[in-house]
Amino acid sequence: MHPILFSIGPVTVYSYGLMLGLAFLVTIYSASKRAGIFDISGEAVSNLIILFLVSGVIGARIAYVLANMSDFTGCPLQILMINKGGLIFYGGFVLASIAGVVFAKITNLAILDTADIIAPFIALGHAIGRLGCFLNGCCFGKPTGSFLGVQFPHTLAKVYPTQLFSFAGLLIIFFFLLFFQSRRKFKGEIISLYLILYGIFRFFIEFLRGDLLPVFHGLTSAQLVSIIFVIVGTILFVFMKHLKKDSH
């Protein structure tokens, strides 16, 4: 675990913050380069992703703080210290999606086309972010005696490196979505597949997580949101596919 990569004088470079920044740079560059396949301006996509960065981090931090209020009662200024970790992806995704829809409406961007462009790169950026989680030591798994176990300084025993499992799973989702992106059969296909695939993956990986407590019938809050992702993705997929057939 390397939460701090290096320090130069008063400047400290945190691994989590660095990987988060790298994730957004890669996402902006890659998505803007692909925007042309759906006749969307690369500049518009870049601006949208910058909006995602700001609103997503705010939403993810709000969700984390609300879920861990007791950790901030003694020192509320720590709420601002996101460079050390403490973001919940689903909170960021929800706020970024709302901001993205508003932005698309104002700038007359095709919402589904834009979502289909960005969807694979959400998975790629998220995968890079999970490497930051591993280096930071957060989002770890349950104790295990298997050869897969990793010992973190703050864990009493070896635990599943769920951060690395998530990294691998998100990369697979990224390549799958990228493959079908230029082969899509109807608008909204790629974003709906993202919602379904990530929702399913996150639901099952949560059974190995050791840092989250169940909130409803043995399920974590992330698993409940994962179910919503799958439902919304499935409805969108079926509806847009049916709409495509009716237009012929």
C-alpha atoms as a PDB file:
ATOM      1  CA  MET A   1       0.000   0.000   0.000  1.00  0.00           C
ATOM      2  CA  HIS A   2       1.397   3.375  -1.027  1.00  0.00           C
ATOM      3  CA  PRO A   3      -1.102   6.144  -0.158  1.00  0.00           C
ATOM      4  CA  ILE A   4       1.677   8.720  -0.556  1.00  0.00           C
ATOM      5  CA  LEU A   5       3.813   8.309  -3.667  1.00  0.00           C
ATOM      6  CA  PHE A   6       6.325  11.052  -2.924  1.00  0.00           C
ATOM      7  CA  SER A   7       6.767  14.515  -1.463  1.00  0.00           C
ATOM      8  CA  ILE A   8       8.628  17.508  -2.862  1.00  0.00           C
ATOM      9  CA  GLY A   9       8.997  20.106  -0.150  1.00  0.00           C
ATOM     10  CA  PRO A  10       5.510  21.037   1.057  1.00  0.00           C
ATOM     11  CA  VAL A  11       3.855  19.277  -1.906  1.00  0.00           C
ATOM     12  CA  THR A  12       2.629  15.735  -1.251  1.00  0.00           C
ATOM     13  CA  VAL A  13       1.471  13.536  -4.123  1.00  0.00           C
ATOM     14  CA  TYR A  14      -1.174  11.017  -3.055  1.00  0.00           C
ATOM     15  CA  SER A  15      -1.605   7.871  -5.126  1.00  0.00           C
ATOM     16  CA  TYR A  16      -5.399   8.044  -4.969  1.00  0.00           C
ATOM     17  CA  GLY A  17      -5.519  11.632  -6.210  1.00  0.00           C
ATOM     18  CA  LEU A  18      -2.962  10.952  -8.932  1.00  0.00           C
ATOM     19  CA  MET A  19      -4.846   7.923 -10.273  1.00  0.00           C
ATOM     20  CA  LEU A  20      -8.113   9.841 -10.136  1.00  0.00           C
ATOM     21  CA  GLY A  21      -6.576  12.636 -12.206  1.00  0.00           C
ATOM     22  CA  LEU A  22      -5.087  10.136 -14.651  1.00  0.00           C
ATOM     23  CA  ALA A  23      -8.468   8.435 -15.012  1.00  0.00           C
ATOM     24  CA  PHE A  24     -10.175  11.655 -16.075  1.00  0.00           C
ATOM     25  CA  LEU A  25      -7.375  12.646 -18.472  1.00  0.00           C
ATOM     26  CA  VAL A  26      -7.545   9.258 -20.188  1.00  0.00           C
ATOM     27  CA  THR A  27     -11.340   9.436 -20.323  1.00  0.00           C
ATOM     28  CA  ILE A  28     -11.384  12.944 -21.818  1.00  0.00           C
ATOM     29  CA  TYR A  29      -8.763  12.137 -24.465  1.00  0.00           C
ATOM     30  CA  SER A  30     -10.194   8.757 -25.469  1.00  0.00           C
ATOM     31  CA  ALA A  31     -13.877   9.736 -25.559  1.00  0.00           C
ATOM     32  CA  SER A  32     -13.228  12.939 -27.513  1.00  0.00           C
ATOM     33  CA  LYS A  33     -11.275  10.953 -30.119  1.00  0.00           C
ATOM     34  CA  ARG A  34     -14.202   8.540 -30.564  1.00  0.00           C
ATOM     35  CA  ALA A  35     -16.920  11.216 -30.659  1.00  0.00           C
ATOM     36  CA  GLY A  36     -16.827  11.461 -34.448  1.00  0.00           C
ATOM     37  CA  ILE A  37     -18.291   7.992 -35.021  1.00  0.00           C
ATOM     38  CA  PHE A  38     -21.683   9.370 -33.949  1.00  0.00           C
ATOM     39  CA  ASP A  39     -21.131  12.826 -35.503  1.00  0.00           C
ATOM     40  CA  ILE A  40     -20.596  14.504 -32.138  1.00  0.00           C
ATOM     41  CA  SER A  41     -18.058  17.258 -31.527  1.00  0.00           C
ATOM     42  CA  GLY A  42     -14.992  16.096 -29.649  1.00  0.00           C
ATOM     43  CA  GLU A  43     -14.870  19.473 -27.917  1.00  0.00           C
ATOM     44  CA  ALA A  44     -18.444  19.057 -26.688  1.00  0.00           C
ATOM     45  CA  VAL A  45     -17.596  15.619 -25.280  1.00  0.00           C
ATOM     46  CA  SER A  46     -14.498  17.010 -23.560  1.00  0.00           C
ATOM     47  CA  ASN A  47     -16.525  19.808 -21.967  1.00  0.00           C
ATOM     48  CA  LEU A  48     -19.133  17.308 -20.847  1.00  0.00           C
ATOM     49  CA  ILE A  49     -16.535  15.056 -19.227  1.00  0.00           C
ATOM     50  CA  ILE A  50     -15.018  18.024 -17.386  1.00  0.00           C
ATOM     51  CA  LEU A  51     -18.518  18.687 -16.043  1.00  0.00           C
ATOM     52  CA  PHE A  52     -18.683  15.006 -15.091  1.00  0.00           C
ATOM     53  CA  LEU A  53     -15.380  15.395 -13.237  1.00  0.00           C
ATOM     54  CA  VAL A  54     -16.618  18.263 -11.088  1.00  0.00           C
ATOM     55  CA  SER A  55     -20.156  17.029 -10.454  1.00  0.00           C
ATOM     56  CA  GLY A  56     -19.063  13.393 -10.152  1.00  0.00           C
ATOM     57  CA  VAL A  57     -16.457  14.079  -7.482  1.00  0.00           C
ATOM     58  CA  ILE A  58     -18.919  16.270  -5.567  1.00  0.00           C
ATOM     59  CA  GLY A  59     -21.641  13.627  -5.754  1.00  0.00           C
ATOM     60  CA  ALA A  60     -19.277  10.796  -4.833  1.00  0.00           C
ATOM     61  CA  ARG A  61     -17.939  12.734  -1.859  1.00  0.00           C
ATOM     62  CA  ILE A  62     -21.404  13.682  -0.639  1.00  0.00           C
ATOM     63  CA  ALA A  63     -22.465  10.034  -0.788  1.00  0.00           C
ATOM     64  CA  TYR A  64     -19.343   8.952   1.132  1.00  0.00           C
ATOM     65  CA  VAL A  65     -19.779  11.614   3.818  1.00  0.00           C
ATOM     66  CA  LEU A  66     -23.445  10.746   4.290  1.00  0.00           C
ATOM     67  CA  ALA A  67     -22.546   7.077   4.644  1.00  0.00           C
ATOM     68  CA  ASN A  68     -19.735   7.814   7.132  1.00  0.00           C
ATOM     69  CA  MET A  69     -20.972  10.842   9.070  1.00  0.00           C
ATOM     70  CA  SER A  70     -19.391   9.702  12.339  1.00  0.00           C
ATOM     71  CA  ASP A  71     -15.905   9.926  10.801  1.00  0.00           C
ATOM     72  CA  PHE A  72     -16.263  13.676  10.229  1.00  0.00           C
ATOM     73  CA  THR A  73     -17.971  14.920  13.399  1.00  0.00           C
ATOM     74  CA  GLY A  74     -14.689  15.787  15.107  1.00  0.00           C
ATOM     75  CA  CYS A  75     -12.993  17.350  12.092  1.00  0.00           C
ATOM     76  CA  PRO A  76     -15.434  18.564   9.414  1.00  0.00           C
ATOM     77  CA  LEU A  77     -12.592  20.014   7.297  1.00  0.00           C
ATOM     78  CA  GLN A  78     -11.626  16.442   6.376  1.00  0.00           C
ATOM     79  CA  ILE A  79     -14.718  16.393   4.176  1.00  0.00           C
ATOM     80  CA  LEU A  80     -12.674  18.342   1.624  1.00  0.00           C
ATOM     81  CA  MET A  81      -9.672  15.965   1.671  1.00  0.00           C
ATOM     82  CA  ILE A  82     -10.672  13.730  -1.239  1.00  0.00           C
ATOM     83  CA  ASN A  83      -7.034  13.239  -2.257  1.00  0.00           C
ATOM     84  CA  LYS A  84      -6.761  10.640   0.497  1.00  0.00           C
ATOM     85  CA  GLY A  85      -9.755   8.663  -0.728  1.00  0.00           C
ATOM     86  CA  GLY A  86     -13.368   8.506   0.282  1.00  0.00           C
ATOM     87  CA  LEU A  87     -15.606   8.538  -2.796  1.00  0.00           C
ATOM     88  CA  ILE A  88     -18.656   6.416  -3.536  1.00  0.00           C
ATOM     89  CA  PHE A  89     -18.990   5.785  -7.262  1.00  0.00           C
ATOM     90  CA  TYR A  90     -22.763   5.549  -7.403  1.00  0.00           C
ATOM     91  CA  GLY A  91     -23.189   8.962  -5.757  1.00  0.00           C
ATOM     92  CA  GLY A  92     -20.897  10.491  -8.345  1.00  0.00           C
ATOM     93  CA  PHE A  93     -22.593   8.692 -11.217  1.00  0.00           C
ATOM     94  CA  VAL A  94     -26.051   9.936 -10.245  1.00  0.00           C
ATOM     95  CA  LEU A  95     -25.056  13.601  -9.858  1.00  0.00           C
ATOM     96  CA  ALA A  96     -22.872  13.524 -12.980  1.00  0.00           C
ATOM     97  CA  SER A  97     -25.731  11.984 -14.988  1.00  0.00           C
ATOM     98  CA  ILE A  98     -28.138  14.717 -13.899  1.00  0.00           C
ATOM     99  CA  ALA A  99     -25.580  17.414 -14.731  1.00  0.00           C
ATOM    100  CA  GLY A 100     -24.858  15.723 -18.070  1.00  0.00           C
ATOM    101  CA  VAL A 101     -28.519  15.614 -19.114  1.00  0.00           C
ATOM    102  CA  VAL A 102     -28.954  19.300 -18.239  1.00  0.00           C
ATOM    103  CA  PHE A 103     -25.772  20.175 -20.186  1.00  0.00           C
ATOM    104  CA  ALA A 104     -26.909  18.145 -23.197  1.00  0.00           C
ATOM    105  CA  LYS A 105     -30.314  19.849 -23.193  1.00  0.00           C
ATOM    106  CA  ILE A 106     -28.756  23.322 -23.025  1.00  0.00           C
ATOM    107  CA  THR A 107     -26.199  22.641 -25.772  1.00  0.00           C
ATOM    108  CA  ASN A 108     -28.533  20.531 -27.956  1.00  0.00           C
ATOM    109  CA  LEU A 109     -26.344  17.435 -27.696  1.00  0.00           C
ATOM    110  CA  ALA A 110     -27.971  14.121 -28.619  1.00  0.00           C
ATOM    111  CA  ILE A 111     -28.239  12.559 -25.167  1.00  0.00           C
ATOM    112  CA  LEU A 112     -28.233   8.878 -26.123  1.00  0.00           C
ATOM    113  CA  ASP A 113     -25.527   9.258 -28.773  1.00  0.00           C
ATOM    114  CA  THR A 114     -23.333  11.097 -26.288  1.00  0.00           C
ATOM    115  CA  ALA A 115     -24.017   8.525 -23.574  1.00  0.00           C
ATOM    116  CA  ASP A 116     -23.093   5.723 -25.981  1.00  0.00           C
ATOM    117  CA  ILE A 117     -19.799   7.478 -26.753  1.00  0.00           C
ATOM    118  CA  ILE A 118     -18.860   8.032 -23.116  1.00  0.00           C
ATOM    119  CA  ALA A 119     -20.087   4.740 -21.596  1.00  0.00           C
ATOM    120  CA  PRO A 120     -17.025   2.558 -22.377  1.00  0.00           C
ATOM    121  CA  PHE A 121     -14.687   5.236 -21.059  1.00  0.00           C
ATOM    122  CA  ILE A 122     -16.595   5.521 -17.795  1.00  0.00           C
ATOM    123  CA  ALA A 123     -15.607   1.894 -17.242  1.00  0.00           C
ATOM    124  CA  LEU A 124     -11.997   2.598 -18.271  1.00  0.00           C
ATOM    125  CA  GLY A 125     -11.675   5.624 -15.994  1.00  0.00           C
ATOM    126  CA  HIS A 126     -13.287   3.715 -13.139  1.00  0.00           C
ATOM    127  CA  ALA A 127     -10.804   0.868 -13.652  1.00  0.00           C
ATOM    128  CA  ILE A 128      -7.854   3.267 -13.329  1.00  0.00           C
ATOM    129  CA  GLY A 129      -9.461   4.745 -10.229  1.00  0.00           C
ATOM    130  CA  ARG A 130      -9.613   1.283  -8.648  1.00  0.00           C
ATOM    131  CA  LEU A 131      -5.831   1.065  -8.923  1.00  0.00           C
ATOM    132  CA  GLY A 132      -5.798   4.210  -6.805  1.00  0.00           C
ATOM    133  CA  CYS A 133      -8.035   2.437  -4.291  1.00  0.00           C
ATOM    134  CA  PHE A 134      -5.556  -0.444  -4.121  1.00  0.00           C
ATOM    135  CA  LEU A 135      -2.583   1.857  -3.561  1.00  0.00           C
ATOM    136  CA  ASN A 136      -4.562   3.808  -0.979  1.00  0.00           C
ATOM    137  CA  GLY A 137      -5.743   0.680   0.831  1.00  0.00           C
ATOM    138  CA  CYS A 138      -9.466   1.486   0.690  1.00  0.00           C
ATOM    139  CA  CYS A 139     -12.344  -0.581  -0.731  1.00  0.00           C
ATOM    140  CA  PHE A 140     -10.642  -3.789   0.447  1.00  0.00           C
ATOM    141  CA  GLY A 141     -12.187  -7.252   0.665  1.00  0.00           C
ATOM    142  CA  LYS A 142     -13.066  -9.744   3.351  1.00  0.00           C
ATOM    143  CA  PRO A 143     -10.392 -11.802   5.148  1.00  0.00           C
ATOM    144  CA  THR A 144      -9.198 -14.845   3.226  1.00  0.00           C
ATOM    145  CA  GLY A 145      -6.650 -17.580   3.671  1.00  0.00           C
ATOM    146  CA  SER A 146      -6.346 -18.211  -0.062  1.00  0.00           C
ATOM    147  CA  PHE A 147      -3.321 -17.389  -2.200  1.00  0.00           C
ATOM    148  CA  LEU A 148      -5.243 -14.376  -3.501  1.00  0.00           C
ATOM    149  CA  GLY A 149      -5.068 -12.648  -0.146  1.00  0.00           C
ATOM    150  CA  VAL A 150      -3.183  -9.356   0.294  1.00  0.00           C
ATOM    151  CA  GLN A 151      -2.008  -7.908   3.594  1.00  0.00           C
ATOM    152  CA  PHE A 152      -2.642  -4.201   4.129  1.00  0.00           C
ATOM    153  CA  PRO A 153      -1.055  -2.330   7.061  1.00  0.00           C
ATOM    154  CA  HIS A 154      -4.482  -1.571   8.547  1.00  0.00           C
ATOM    155  CA  THR A 155      -5.930  -5.103   8.209  1.00  0.00           C
ATOM    156  CA  LEU A 156      -5.301  -7.815  10.783  1.00  0.00           C
ATOM    157  CA  ALA A 157      -5.236 -10.596   8.202  1.00  0.00           C
ATOM    158  CA  LYS A 158      -4.943 -11.096   4.482  1.00  0.00           C
ATOM    159  CA  VAL A 159      -7.968  -9.852   2.553  1.00  0.00           C
ATOM    160  CA  TYR A 160      -9.307 -10.192  -0.952  1.00  0.00           C
ATOM    161  CA  PRO A 161      -7.845  -7.463  -3.211  1.00  0.00           C
ATOM    162  CA  THR A 162     -11.299  -6.480  -4.449  1.00  0.00           C
ATOM    163  CA  GLN A 163      -9.799  -3.310  -5.906  1.00  0.00           C
ATOM    164  CA  LEU A 164      -7.797  -5.424  -8.368  1.00  0.00           C
ATOM    165  CA  PHE A 165     -10.788  -7.666  -9.075  1.00  0.00           C
ATOM    166  CA  SER A 166     -12.764  -4.520  -9.894  1.00  0.00           C
ATOM    167  CA  PHE A 167      -9.929  -3.223 -12.079  1.00  0.00           C
ATOM    168  CA  ALA A 168      -9.946  -6.440 -14.109  1.00  0.00           C
ATOM    169  CA  GLY A 169     -13.740  -6.599 -14.357  1.00  0.00           C
ATOM    170  CA  LEU A 170     -14.051  -2.984 -15.455  1.00  0.00           C
ATOM    171  CA  LEU A 171     -11.374  -3.458 -18.108  1.00  0.00           C
ATOM    172  CA  ILE A 172     -13.334  -6.401 -19.521  1.00  0.00           C
ATOM    173  CA  ILE A 173     -16.502  -4.276 -19.568  1.00  0.00           C
ATOM    174  CA  PHE A 174     -14.566  -1.467 -21.284  1.00  0.00           C
ATOM    175  CA  PHE A 175     -13.267  -3.677 -24.108  1.00  0.00           C
ATOM    176  CA  PHE A 176     -16.667  -5.337 -24.532  1.00  0.00           C
ATOM    177  CA  LEU A 177     -18.462  -1.985 -24.862  1.00  0.00           C
ATOM    178  CA  LEU A 178     -15.751  -0.553 -27.114  1.00  0.00           C
ATOM    179  CA  PHE A 179     -16.097  -3.532 -29.447  1.00  0.00           C
ATOM    180  CA  PHE A 180     -19.850  -3.031 -29.828  1.00  0.00           C
ATOM    181  CA  GLN A 181     -19.741   0.769 -29.851  1.00  0.00           C
ATOM    182  CA  SER A 182     -19.150   1.076 -33.600  1.00  0.00           C
ATOM    183  CA  ARG A 183     -21.469  -1.900 -34.186  1.00  0.00           C
ATOM    184  CA  ARG A 184     -24.455  -0.666 -32.208  1.00  0.00           C
ATOM    185  CA  LYS A 185     -27.873  -1.398 -33.678  1.00  0.00           C
ATOM    186  CA  PHE A 186     -29.848   1.349 -31.936  1.00  0.00           C
ATOM    187  CA  LYS A 187     -29.311   4.500 -29.877  1.00  0.00           C
ATOM    188  CA  GLY A 188     -28.840   3.871 -26.177  1.00  0.00           C
ATOM    189  CA  GLU A 189     -27.545   0.326 -26.690  1.00  0.00           C
ATOM    190  CA  ILE A 190     -24.058   0.961 -25.277  1.00  0.00           C
ATOM    191  CA  ILE A 191     -25.093   2.947 -22.201  1.00  0.00           C
ATOM    192  CA  SER A 192     -27.810   0.401 -21.384  1.00  0.00           C
ATOM    193  CA  LEU A 193     -25.298  -2.452 -21.694  1.00  0.00           C
ATOM    194  CA  TYR A 194     -22.957  -0.536 -19.394  1.00  0.00           C
ATOM    195  CA  LEU A 195     -25.667  -0.160 -16.766  1.00  0.00           C
ATOM    196  CA  ILE A 196     -26.539  -3.854 -16.965  1.00  0.00           C
ATOM    197  CA  LEU A 197     -22.982  -5.206 -17.008  1.00  0.00           C
ATOM    198  CA  TYR A 198     -21.601  -2.940 -14.308  1.00  0.00           C
ATOM    199  CA  GLY A 199     -24.675  -3.436 -12.136  1.00  0.00           C
ATOM    200  CA  ILE A 200     -24.313  -7.225 -12.299  1.00  0.00           C
ATOM    201  CA  PHE A 201     -20.565  -7.120 -11.733  1.00  0.00           C
ATOM    202  CA  ARG A 202     -20.794  -4.711  -8.793  1.00  0.00           C
ATOM    203  CA  PHE A 203     -23.600  -6.732  -7.190  1.00  0.00           C
ATOM    204  CA  PHE A 204     -21.468  -9.881  -7.029  1.00  0.00           C
ATOM    205  CA  ILE A 205     -18.135  -8.235  -6.172  1.00  0.00           C
ATOM    206  CA  GLU A 206     -19.831  -6.723  -3.120  1.00  0.00           C
ATOM    207  CA  PHE A 207     -20.055 -10.196  -1.568  1.00  0.00           C
ATOM    208  CA  LEU A 208     -16.259 -10.106  -1.294  1.00  0.00           C
ATOM    209  CA  ARG A 209     -16.016  -6.546   0.046  1.00  0.00           C
ATOM    210  CA  GLY A 210     -15.007  -6.216   3.676  1.00  0.00           C
ATOM    211  CA  ASP A 211     -15.473  -2.484   4.215  1.00  0.00           C
ATOM    212  CA  LEU A 212     -19.232  -2.157   3.748  1.00  0.00           C
ATOM    213  CA  LEU A 213     -22.015  -3.316   6.047  1.00  0.00           C
ATOM    214  CA  PRO A 214     -25.369  -4.765   4.897  1.00  0.00           C
ATOM    215  CA  VAL A 215     -28.302  -2.367   5.087  1.00  0.00           C
ATOM    216  CA  PHE A 216     -31.234  -4.445   3.789  1.00  0.00           C
ATOM    217  CA  HIS A 217     -31.724  -8.225   3.957  1.00  0.00           C
ATOM    218  CA  GLY A 218     -27.984  -8.871   3.900  1.00  0.00           C
ATOM    219  CA  LEU A 219     -27.371  -6.583   0.946  1.00  0.00           C
ATOM    220  CA  THR A 220     -25.174  -3.488   0.961  1.00  0.00           C
ATOM    221  CA  SER A 221     -26.340  -0.104  -0.292  1.00  0.00           C
ATOM    222  CA  ALA A 222     -24.135  -0.581  -3.370  1.00  0.00           C
ATOM    223  CA  GLN A 223     -25.901  -3.850  -4.168  1.00  0.00           C
ATOM    224  CA  LEU A 224     -29.301  -2.178  -3.926  1.00  0.00           C
ATOM    225  CA  VAL A 225     -28.164   0.532  -6.342  1.00  0.00           C
ATOM    226  CA  SER A 226     -26.689  -2.184  -8.589  1.00  0.00           C
ATOM    227  CA  ILE A 227     -30.127  -3.760  -8.862  1.00  0.00           C
ATOM    228  CA  ILE A 228     -31.549  -0.379  -9.898  1.00  0.00           C
ATOM    229  CA  PHE A 229     -28.784  -0.061 -12.524  1.00  0.00           C
ATOM    230  CA  VAL A 230     -29.688  -3.444 -14.020  1.00  0.00           C
ATOM    231  CA  ILE A 231     -33.410  -2.660 -14.047  1.00  0.00           C
ATOM    232  CA  VAL A 232     -32.944   0.785 -15.633  1.00  0.00           C
ATOM    233  CA  GLY A 233     -30.429  -0.584 -18.163  1.00  0.00           C
ATOM    234  CA  THR A 234     -32.744  -3.445 -19.139  1.00  0.00           C
ATOM    235  CA  ILE A 235     -35.772  -1.154 -19.544  1.00  0.00           C
ATOM    236  CA  LEU A 236     -33.745   1.276 -21.665  1.00  0.00           C
ATOM    237  CA  PHE A 237     -32.335  -1.538 -23.802  1.00  0.00           C
ATOM    238  CA  VAL A 238     -35.729  -3.129 -24.474  1.00  0.00           C
ATOM    239  CA  PHE A 239     -37.490   0.198 -25.056  1.00  0.00           C
ATOM    240  CA  MET A 240     -34.906   1.594 -27.497  1.00  0.00           C
ATOM    241  CA  LYS A 241     -34.628  -1.713 -29.359  1.00  0.00           C
ATOM    242  CA  HIS A 242     -38.414  -1.852 -29.694  1.00  0.00           C
ATOM    243  CA  LEU A 243     -38.480   1.811 -30.816  1.00  0.00           C
ATOM    244  CA  LYS A 244     -35.879   1.032 -33.476  1.00  0.00           C
ATOM    245  CA  LYS A 245     -38.009  -1.832 -34.832  1.00  0.00           C
ATOM    246  CA  ASP A 246     -41.129   0.336 -34.943  1.00  0.00           C
ATOM    247  CA  SER A 247     -39.297   3.010 -36.940  1.00  0.00           C
ATOM    248  CA  HIS A 248     -38.614   0.563 -39.780  1.00  0.00           C
END
